[in-house]
């Protein structure tokens, strides 16, 4: 019965991005890195324009999908878009009104811990004005402060 409920919950959630297979089902929280900045994924590797984070937060698959849809809709599916983050950190949650004890809760969703400096999205193949507006709109869907970076030096 428990297994069937898990399957129904997973199907009804319709998670867009989540790992197919993980080595460890439940992770520990980890240390809060309040003053640390990102060392990897800080430069544009694929596109001409990118959306870079300026603050820290957990970004879940729904927020990534909302930003991706915004970019795709505004660019009228022109150009090429790269998503540079993937939610692979499991977040557990206990059911409501359950007393303390009984172990850690079941995995509820997956997130990507974003630190300042990480490039989240990249775009190429569309005009500068359209790309910047699409990234600006996508930034509003995310729980982090963002800025738009470009490989092209504008005059």
N, C-alpha and C. Protein backbone atom coordinates (compact mmCIF):
# COMPACT_ATOMS: atom_id res chain seq x y z
N UNK A 1 0.83 -1.20 0.00
CA UNK A 1 0.00 0.00 0.00
C UNK A 1 0.86 1.26 0.00
N UNK A 2 1.92 1.25 0.84
CA UNK A 2 2.82 2.41 0.91
C UNK A 2 3.48 2.66 -0.44
N UNK A 3 3.89 1.57 -1.10
CA UNK A 3 4.57 1.69 -2.39
C UNK A 3 3.65 2.31 -3.44
N UNK A 4 2.38 1.89 -3.44
CA UNK A 4 1.42 2.43 -4.40
C UNK A 4 1.19 3.92 -4.15
N UNK A 5 1.09 4.32 -2.87
CA UNK A 5 0.92 5.74 -2.55
C UNK A 5 2.11 6.55 -3.02
N UNK A 6 3.32 6.01 -2.88
CA UNK A 6 4.52 6.71 -3.35
C UNK A 6 4.46 6.93 -4.85
N UNK A 7 4.07 5.90 -5.60
CA UNK A 7 3.98 6.02 -7.06
C UNK A 7 2.94 7.06 -7.45
N UNK A 8 1.79 7.03 -6.81
CA UNK A 8 0.73 8.00 -7.11
C UNK A 8 1.21 9.42 -6.83
N UNK A 9 1.93 9.61 -5.69
CA UNK A 9 2.42 10.94 -5.35
C UNK A 9 3.45 11.43 -6.36
N UNK A 10 4.32 10.54 -6.82
CA UNK A 10 5.34 10.92 -7.79
C UNK A 10 4.69 11.29 -9.12
N UNK A 11 3.71 10.50 -9.56
CA UNK A 11 3.04 10.79 -10.82
C UNK A 11 2.26 12.10 -10.74
N UNK A 12 1.58 12.34 -9.61
CA UNK A 12 0.76 13.55 -9.49
C UNK A 12 1.60 14.81 -9.37
N UNK A 13 2.84 14.68 -8.82
CA UNK A 13 3.69 15.86 -8.70
C UNK A 13 4.19 16.33 -10.05
N UNK A 14 4.43 15.39 -10.97
CA UNK A 14 4.91 15.71 -12.31
C UNK A 14 6.22 16.50 -12.23
N UNK A 15 7.19 15.96 -11.52
CA UNK A 15 8.48 16.61 -11.41
C UNK A 15 9.17 16.64 -12.76
N UNK A 16 9.59 17.83 -13.16
CA UNK A 16 10.23 17.97 -14.45
C UNK A 16 11.66 17.43 -14.40
N UNK A 17 12.43 17.91 -13.44
CA UNK A 17 13.83 17.52 -13.33
C UNK A 17 14.06 16.80 -12.01
N UNK A 18 14.52 15.58 -12.09
CA UNK A 18 14.95 14.86 -10.91
C UNK A 18 15.85 13.73 -11.36
N UNK A 19 16.79 13.32 -10.52
CA UNK A 19 17.71 12.27 -10.94
C UNK A 19 17.01 10.93 -11.14
N UNK A 20 17.49 10.17 -12.13
CA UNK A 20 16.93 8.85 -12.37
C UNK A 20 17.36 7.88 -11.29
N UNK A 21 18.61 8.00 -10.87
CA UNK A 21 19.17 7.07 -9.90
C UNK A 21 20.17 7.83 -9.03
N UNK A 22 20.14 7.59 -7.74
CA UNK A 22 21.07 8.28 -6.83
C UNK A 22 21.82 7.24 -5.99
N UNK A 23 23.03 7.59 -5.61
CA UNK A 23 23.82 6.68 -4.79
C UNK A 23 23.26 6.60 -3.38
N UNK A 24 22.92 7.76 -2.81
CA UNK A 24 22.33 7.81 -1.47
C UNK A 24 20.98 8.51 -1.57
N UNK A 25 19.95 7.84 -1.06
CA UNK A 25 18.58 8.37 -1.19
C UNK A 25 18.36 9.62 -0.38
N UNK A 26 18.91 9.67 0.85
CA UNK A 26 18.74 10.83 1.72
C UNK A 26 20.10 11.41 2.07
N UNK A 27 20.24 12.73 1.95
CA UNK A 27 21.49 13.41 2.28
C UNK A 27 21.32 14.15 3.60
N UNK A 28 22.47 14.52 4.18
CA UNK A 28 22.44 15.44 5.30
C UNK A 28 22.42 16.86 4.75
N UNK A 29 22.01 17.80 5.60
CA UNK A 29 21.83 19.18 5.13
C UNK A 29 23.11 19.82 4.63
N UNK A 30 24.22 19.63 5.34
CA UNK A 30 25.46 20.29 4.98
C UNK A 30 25.60 21.61 5.70
N UNK A 31 26.74 22.22 5.63
CA UNK A 31 27.01 23.48 6.30
C UNK A 31 26.51 24.65 5.47
N UNK A 32 26.06 25.69 6.15
CA UNK A 32 25.64 26.91 5.47
C UNK A 32 26.88 27.72 5.12
N UNK A 33 27.06 27.97 3.84
CA UNK A 33 28.22 28.73 3.40
C UNK A 33 27.78 30.17 3.14
N UNK A 34 27.71 30.95 4.21
CA UNK A 34 27.13 32.28 4.09
C UNK A 34 28.00 33.24 3.28
N UNK A 35 29.31 33.13 3.42
CA UNK A 35 30.16 34.09 2.73
C UNK A 35 30.87 33.50 1.52
N UNK A 36 30.57 32.27 1.16
CA UNK A 36 31.32 31.66 0.08
C UNK A 36 30.70 32.01 -1.27
N UNK A 37 31.54 32.08 -2.26
CA UNK A 37 31.10 32.31 -3.63
C UNK A 37 31.41 31.07 -4.44
N UNK A 38 30.75 30.94 -5.57
CA UNK A 38 30.93 29.77 -6.43
C UNK A 38 32.30 29.80 -7.10
N UNK A 39 32.90 28.63 -7.21
CA UNK A 39 34.20 28.53 -7.90
C UNK A 39 34.05 27.84 -9.25
N UNK A 40 32.96 27.09 -9.43
CA UNK A 40 32.74 26.38 -10.69
C UNK A 40 31.50 26.94 -11.38
N UNK A 41 31.48 26.87 -12.69
CA UNK A 41 30.30 27.30 -13.44
C UNK A 41 30.05 28.79 -13.37
N UNK A 42 31.11 29.59 -13.36
CA UNK A 42 30.95 31.03 -13.22
C UNK A 42 31.10 31.79 -14.53
N UNK A 43 31.47 31.11 -15.60
CA UNK A 43 31.68 31.78 -16.88
C UNK A 43 30.78 31.18 -17.95
N UNK A 44 30.56 31.96 -19.02
CA UNK A 44 29.76 31.47 -20.14
C UNK A 44 30.58 30.44 -20.92
N UNK A 45 30.00 29.27 -21.14
CA UNK A 45 30.70 28.23 -21.89
C UNK A 45 30.03 27.90 -23.21
N UNK A 46 28.74 28.17 -23.33
CA UNK A 46 28.01 27.76 -24.52
C UNK A 46 27.42 28.93 -25.30
N UNK A 47 26.69 29.82 -24.63
CA UNK A 47 25.97 30.88 -25.30
C UNK A 47 26.67 32.23 -25.22
N UNK A 48 26.02 33.23 -25.81
CA UNK A 48 26.54 34.60 -25.79
C UNK A 48 26.02 35.40 -24.60
N UNK A 49 24.85 35.01 -24.08
CA UNK A 49 24.25 35.71 -22.94
C UNK A 49 23.91 34.70 -21.86
N UNK A 50 24.01 35.13 -20.61
CA UNK A 50 23.72 34.21 -19.51
C UNK A 50 23.08 34.92 -18.34
N UNK A 51 22.46 34.13 -17.47
CA UNK A 51 21.85 34.62 -16.24
C UNK A 51 22.69 34.10 -15.08
N UNK A 52 23.27 35.03 -14.31
CA UNK A 52 24.18 34.68 -13.23
C UNK A 52 23.56 35.04 -11.89
N UNK A 53 23.72 34.16 -10.91
CA UNK A 53 23.14 34.42 -9.59
C UNK A 53 24.03 35.35 -8.78
N UNK A 54 23.40 36.15 -7.92
CA UNK A 54 24.13 37.07 -7.06
C UNK A 54 23.88 36.77 -5.58
N UNK A 55 23.03 35.78 -5.29
CA UNK A 55 22.74 35.43 -3.90
C UNK A 55 22.63 33.91 -3.77
N UNK A 56 22.37 33.46 -2.54
CA UNK A 56 22.28 32.03 -2.27
C UNK A 56 20.82 31.61 -2.09
N UNK A 57 20.51 30.40 -2.56
CA UNK A 57 19.19 29.81 -2.34
C UNK A 57 19.19 28.40 -2.88
N UNK A 58 18.15 27.65 -2.52
CA UNK A 58 17.89 26.36 -3.13
C UNK A 58 16.90 26.60 -4.27
N UNK A 59 17.22 26.11 -5.46
CA UNK A 59 16.32 26.24 -6.60
C UNK A 59 15.77 24.86 -6.91
N UNK A 60 14.45 24.71 -6.93
CA UNK A 60 13.87 23.40 -7.21
C UNK A 60 13.48 23.28 -8.68
N UNK A 61 13.05 22.08 -9.05
CA UNK A 61 12.80 21.79 -10.46
C UNK A 61 11.64 22.62 -11.02
N UNK A 62 10.65 22.95 -10.18
CA UNK A 62 9.53 23.76 -10.67
C UNK A 62 9.98 25.17 -11.04
N UNK A 63 10.88 25.74 -10.24
CA UNK A 63 11.37 27.09 -10.53
C UNK A 63 12.23 27.09 -11.80
N UNK A 64 13.05 26.06 -11.97
CA UNK A 64 13.87 25.95 -13.18
C UNK A 64 12.98 25.83 -14.41
N UNK A 65 11.95 25.01 -14.30
CA UNK A 65 11.03 24.81 -15.42
C UNK A 65 10.25 26.09 -15.73
N UNK A 66 9.85 26.84 -14.72
CA UNK A 66 9.14 28.11 -14.95
C UNK A 66 10.04 29.11 -15.69
N UNK A 67 11.30 29.19 -15.29
CA UNK A 67 12.24 30.10 -15.96
C UNK A 67 12.50 29.64 -17.39
N UNK A 68 12.65 28.34 -17.59
CA UNK A 68 12.89 27.81 -18.93
C UNK A 68 11.71 28.12 -19.86
N UNK A 69 10.48 27.93 -19.35
CA UNK A 69 9.28 28.23 -20.15
C UNK A 69 9.21 29.71 -20.51
N UNK A 70 9.59 30.56 -19.56
CA UNK A 70 9.58 32.01 -19.82
C UNK A 70 10.54 32.37 -20.94
N UNK A 71 11.74 31.81 -20.88
CA UNK A 71 12.74 32.08 -21.93
C UNK A 71 12.24 31.57 -23.27
N UNK A 72 11.73 30.34 -23.29
CA UNK A 72 11.26 29.73 -24.52
C UNK A 72 10.09 30.51 -25.13
N UNK A 73 9.18 30.98 -24.27
CA UNK A 73 8.02 31.71 -24.75
C UNK A 73 8.41 33.07 -25.31
N UNK A 74 9.29 33.79 -24.62
CA UNK A 74 9.64 35.13 -25.07
C UNK A 74 10.50 35.10 -26.34
N UNK A 75 11.35 34.10 -26.47
CA UNK A 75 12.20 34.01 -27.66
C UNK A 75 11.49 33.33 -28.82
N UNK A 76 10.22 32.94 -28.59
CA UNK A 76 9.42 32.23 -29.60
C UNK A 76 10.16 31.00 -30.10
N UNK A 77 10.79 30.31 -29.14
CA UNK A 77 11.56 29.09 -29.37
C UNK A 77 12.67 29.27 -30.39
N UNK A 78 13.18 30.50 -30.50
CA UNK A 78 14.31 30.75 -31.39
C UNK A 78 15.62 30.59 -30.63
N UNK A 79 16.68 30.42 -31.36
CA UNK A 79 17.99 30.29 -30.72
C UNK A 79 18.14 28.99 -29.96
N UNK A 80 19.14 28.95 -29.09
CA UNK A 80 19.42 27.75 -28.30
C UNK A 80 19.57 28.16 -26.85
N UNK A 81 18.99 27.36 -25.95
CA UNK A 81 19.05 27.63 -24.52
C UNK A 81 19.72 26.47 -23.81
N UNK A 82 20.60 26.80 -22.87
CA UNK A 82 21.26 25.79 -22.04
C UNK A 82 20.88 26.03 -20.59
N UNK A 83 20.49 24.95 -19.91
CA UNK A 83 20.25 25.00 -18.46
C UNK A 83 21.51 24.46 -17.80
N UNK A 84 22.18 25.30 -17.03
CA UNK A 84 23.47 24.93 -16.46
C UNK A 84 23.37 24.31 -15.06
N UNK A 85 22.17 24.16 -14.54
CA UNK A 85 22.01 23.59 -13.19
C UNK A 85 21.04 22.41 -13.28
N UNK A 86 21.22 21.46 -12.35
CA UNK A 86 20.34 20.29 -12.28
C UNK A 86 20.07 19.96 -10.82
N UNK A 87 18.80 19.87 -10.43
CA UNK A 87 18.49 19.60 -9.01
C UNK A 87 18.75 18.14 -8.66
N UNK A 88 19.78 17.89 -7.85
CA UNK A 88 20.11 16.52 -7.47
C UNK A 88 20.23 16.34 -5.96
N UNK A 89 20.00 17.40 -5.18
CA UNK A 89 20.08 17.30 -3.72
C UNK A 89 18.68 16.98 -3.18
N UNK A 90 18.50 15.81 -2.53
CA UNK A 90 17.17 15.47 -2.04
C UNK A 90 16.81 16.23 -0.77
N UNK A 91 15.59 16.71 -0.71
CA UNK A 91 15.06 17.39 0.47
C UNK A 91 13.94 16.50 1.02
N UNK A 92 14.06 16.14 2.30
CA UNK A 92 13.06 15.26 2.91
C UNK A 92 12.02 16.08 3.67
N UNK A 93 10.86 15.46 3.88
CA UNK A 93 9.79 16.15 4.57
C UNK A 93 8.95 15.11 5.32
N UNK A 94 8.61 15.43 6.57
CA UNK A 94 7.75 14.55 7.35
C UNK A 94 6.29 14.88 7.04
N UNK A 95 5.42 13.89 7.12
CA UNK A 95 4.00 14.16 6.90
C UNK A 95 3.46 15.12 7.97
N UNK A 96 2.37 15.82 7.69
CA UNK A 96 1.81 16.74 8.69
C UNK A 96 1.26 15.99 9.91
N UNK A 97 1.37 16.63 11.06
CA UNK A 97 0.83 16.13 12.32
C UNK A 97 1.42 14.78 12.73
N UNK A 98 2.73 14.63 12.54
CA UNK A 98 3.43 13.42 12.97
C UNK A 98 4.33 13.81 14.13
N UNK A 99 4.32 13.01 15.19
CA UNK A 99 5.13 13.34 16.37
C UNK A 99 6.61 13.13 16.10
N UNK A 100 7.44 13.68 16.98
CA UNK A 100 8.88 13.54 16.85
C UNK A 100 9.28 12.08 16.98
N UNK A 101 10.39 11.72 16.37
CA UNK A 101 10.85 10.34 16.41
C UNK A 101 10.38 9.61 15.17
N UNK A 102 10.84 8.41 15.03
CA UNK A 102 10.42 7.62 13.87
C UNK A 102 11.30 7.81 12.67
N UNK A 103 12.41 8.52 12.83
CA UNK A 103 13.38 8.65 11.74
C UNK A 103 13.14 9.83 10.81
N UNK A 104 13.97 9.87 9.81
CA UNK A 104 13.93 10.95 8.84
C UNK A 104 12.77 10.74 7.88
N UNK A 105 12.20 11.82 7.39
CA UNK A 105 11.06 11.73 6.50
C UNK A 105 11.45 11.26 5.11
N UNK A 106 10.45 11.04 4.27
CA UNK A 106 10.66 10.59 2.90
C UNK A 106 11.13 11.76 2.04
N UNK A 107 11.78 11.44 0.94
CA UNK A 107 12.25 12.47 0.00
C UNK A 107 11.04 13.15 -0.62
N UNK A 108 10.98 14.47 -0.51
CA UNK A 108 9.85 15.25 -1.01
C UNK A 108 10.14 15.81 -2.40
N UNK A 109 11.30 16.43 -2.56
CA UNK A 109 11.67 17.00 -3.84
C UNK A 109 13.19 17.14 -3.91
N UNK A 110 13.68 17.59 -5.06
CA UNK A 110 15.12 17.78 -5.26
C UNK A 110 15.39 19.24 -5.55
N UNK A 111 16.55 19.72 -5.09
CA UNK A 111 16.93 21.11 -5.28
C UNK A 111 18.38 21.20 -5.76
N UNK A 112 18.74 22.39 -6.23
CA UNK A 112 20.13 22.69 -6.54
C UNK A 112 20.56 23.86 -5.66
N UNK A 113 21.56 23.67 -4.80
CA UNK A 113 22.01 24.79 -3.97
C UNK A 113 22.84 25.77 -4.79
N UNK A 114 22.32 26.98 -4.98
CA UNK A 114 22.98 28.00 -5.79
C UNK A 114 23.74 28.95 -4.89
N UNK A 115 24.97 29.25 -5.27
CA UNK A 115 25.78 30.23 -4.56
C UNK A 115 26.07 31.40 -5.51
N UNK A 116 26.49 32.55 -5.00
CA UNK A 116 26.74 33.70 -5.87
C UNK A 116 27.80 33.41 -6.91
N UNK A 117 27.51 33.79 -8.15
CA UNK A 117 28.46 33.63 -9.24
C UNK A 117 28.12 32.51 -10.20
N UNK A 118 27.20 31.64 -9.85
CA UNK A 118 26.87 30.50 -10.71
C UNK A 118 26.04 30.95 -11.91
N UNK A 119 26.41 30.49 -13.10
CA UNK A 119 25.62 30.77 -14.30
C UNK A 119 24.49 29.75 -14.36
N UNK A 120 23.25 30.24 -14.44
CA UNK A 120 22.08 29.38 -14.37
C UNK A 120 21.58 28.99 -15.77
N UNK A 121 21.47 29.97 -16.65
CA UNK A 121 20.99 29.74 -18.01
C UNK A 121 21.90 30.45 -19.00
N UNK A 122 21.98 29.91 -20.22
CA UNK A 122 22.70 30.57 -21.31
C UNK A 122 21.83 30.54 -22.55
N UNK A 123 21.98 31.59 -23.37
CA UNK A 123 21.21 31.73 -24.61
C UNK A 123 22.15 32.13 -25.73
N UNK A 124 21.87 31.63 -26.92
CA UNK A 124 22.64 32.03 -28.10
C UNK A 124 21.74 31.96 -29.33
N UNK A 125 22.09 32.73 -30.36
CA UNK A 125 21.38 32.65 -31.63
C UNK A 125 20.20 33.59 -31.77
N UNK A 126 20.06 34.55 -30.86
CA UNK A 126 18.98 35.53 -30.97
C UNK A 126 19.55 36.93 -30.72
N UNK A 127 18.85 37.99 -31.14
CA UNK A 127 19.36 39.34 -30.93
C UNK A 127 19.54 39.68 -29.45
N UNK A 128 20.43 40.63 -29.20
CA UNK A 128 20.79 41.00 -27.82
C UNK A 128 19.60 41.49 -27.01
N UNK A 129 18.77 42.34 -27.58
CA UNK A 129 17.64 42.91 -26.84
C UNK A 129 16.66 41.82 -26.41
N UNK A 130 16.38 40.90 -27.31
CA UNK A 130 15.43 39.82 -26.99
C UNK A 130 16.03 38.90 -25.94
N UNK A 131 17.29 38.58 -26.07
CA UNK A 131 17.96 37.68 -25.12
C UNK A 131 17.98 38.29 -23.72
N UNK A 132 18.30 39.56 -23.62
CA UNK A 132 18.37 40.20 -22.30
C UNK A 132 16.99 40.30 -21.65
N UNK A 133 15.98 40.60 -22.43
CA UNK A 133 14.63 40.68 -21.87
C UNK A 133 14.13 39.31 -21.44
N UNK A 134 14.43 38.28 -22.22
CA UNK A 134 14.02 36.91 -21.84
C UNK A 134 14.71 36.49 -20.55
N UNK A 135 15.98 36.77 -20.41
CA UNK A 135 16.71 36.41 -19.19
C UNK A 135 16.23 37.24 -17.99
N UNK A 136 15.89 38.50 -18.23
CA UNK A 136 15.37 39.34 -17.15
C UNK A 136 14.06 38.77 -16.61
N UNK A 137 13.19 38.36 -17.53
CA UNK A 137 11.91 37.77 -17.12
C UNK A 137 12.12 36.44 -16.40
N UNK A 138 13.06 35.66 -16.86
CA UNK A 138 13.35 34.37 -16.22
C UNK A 138 13.90 34.57 -14.81
N UNK A 139 14.67 35.65 -14.62
CA UNK A 139 15.22 35.94 -13.30
C UNK A 139 14.16 36.21 -12.26
N UNK A 140 13.01 36.73 -12.70
CA UNK A 140 11.91 37.00 -11.77
C UNK A 140 11.26 35.72 -11.26
N UNK A 141 11.44 34.62 -11.96
CA UNK A 141 10.85 33.34 -11.55
C UNK A 141 11.71 32.61 -10.52
N UNK A 142 12.93 33.09 -10.28
CA UNK A 142 13.87 32.39 -9.42
C UNK A 142 13.99 33.06 -8.05
N UNK A 143 14.33 32.30 -7.00
CA UNK A 143 14.42 32.86 -5.65
C UNK A 143 15.76 33.52 -5.34
N UNK A 144 16.56 33.79 -6.36
CA UNK A 144 17.86 34.44 -6.16
C UNK A 144 17.90 35.75 -6.92
N UNK A 145 18.75 36.67 -6.46
CA UNK A 145 19.00 37.87 -7.23
C UNK A 145 19.91 37.48 -8.38
N UNK A 146 19.65 38.04 -9.55
CA UNK A 146 20.42 37.65 -10.73
C UNK A 146 20.89 38.88 -11.50
N UNK A 147 21.83 38.64 -12.39
CA UNK A 147 22.25 39.66 -13.34
C UNK A 147 22.50 38.98 -14.68
N UNK A 148 22.44 39.77 -15.74
CA UNK A 148 22.63 39.26 -17.08
C UNK A 148 24.07 39.53 -17.50
N UNK A 149 24.76 38.50 -17.93
CA UNK A 149 26.14 38.67 -18.38
C UNK A 149 26.21 38.33 -19.86
N UNK A 150 27.16 38.91 -20.57
CA UNK A 150 27.27 38.65 -21.99
C UNK A 150 28.72 38.51 -22.39
N UNK A 151 28.92 37.75 -23.44
CA UNK A 151 30.24 37.57 -24.01
C UNK A 151 30.56 38.75 -24.93
N UNK A 152 29.49 39.32 -25.51
CA UNK A 152 29.63 40.43 -26.46
C UNK A 152 29.71 41.73 -25.66
N UNK A 153 30.67 42.56 -25.99
CA UNK A 153 30.81 43.86 -25.32
C UNK A 153 29.86 44.83 -26.01
N UNK A 154 28.86 45.34 -25.29
CA UNK A 154 27.89 46.25 -25.88
C UNK A 154 28.43 47.68 -25.84
N UNK A 155 28.03 48.50 -26.84
CA UNK A 155 28.55 49.86 -26.94
C UNK A 155 27.50 50.86 -26.59
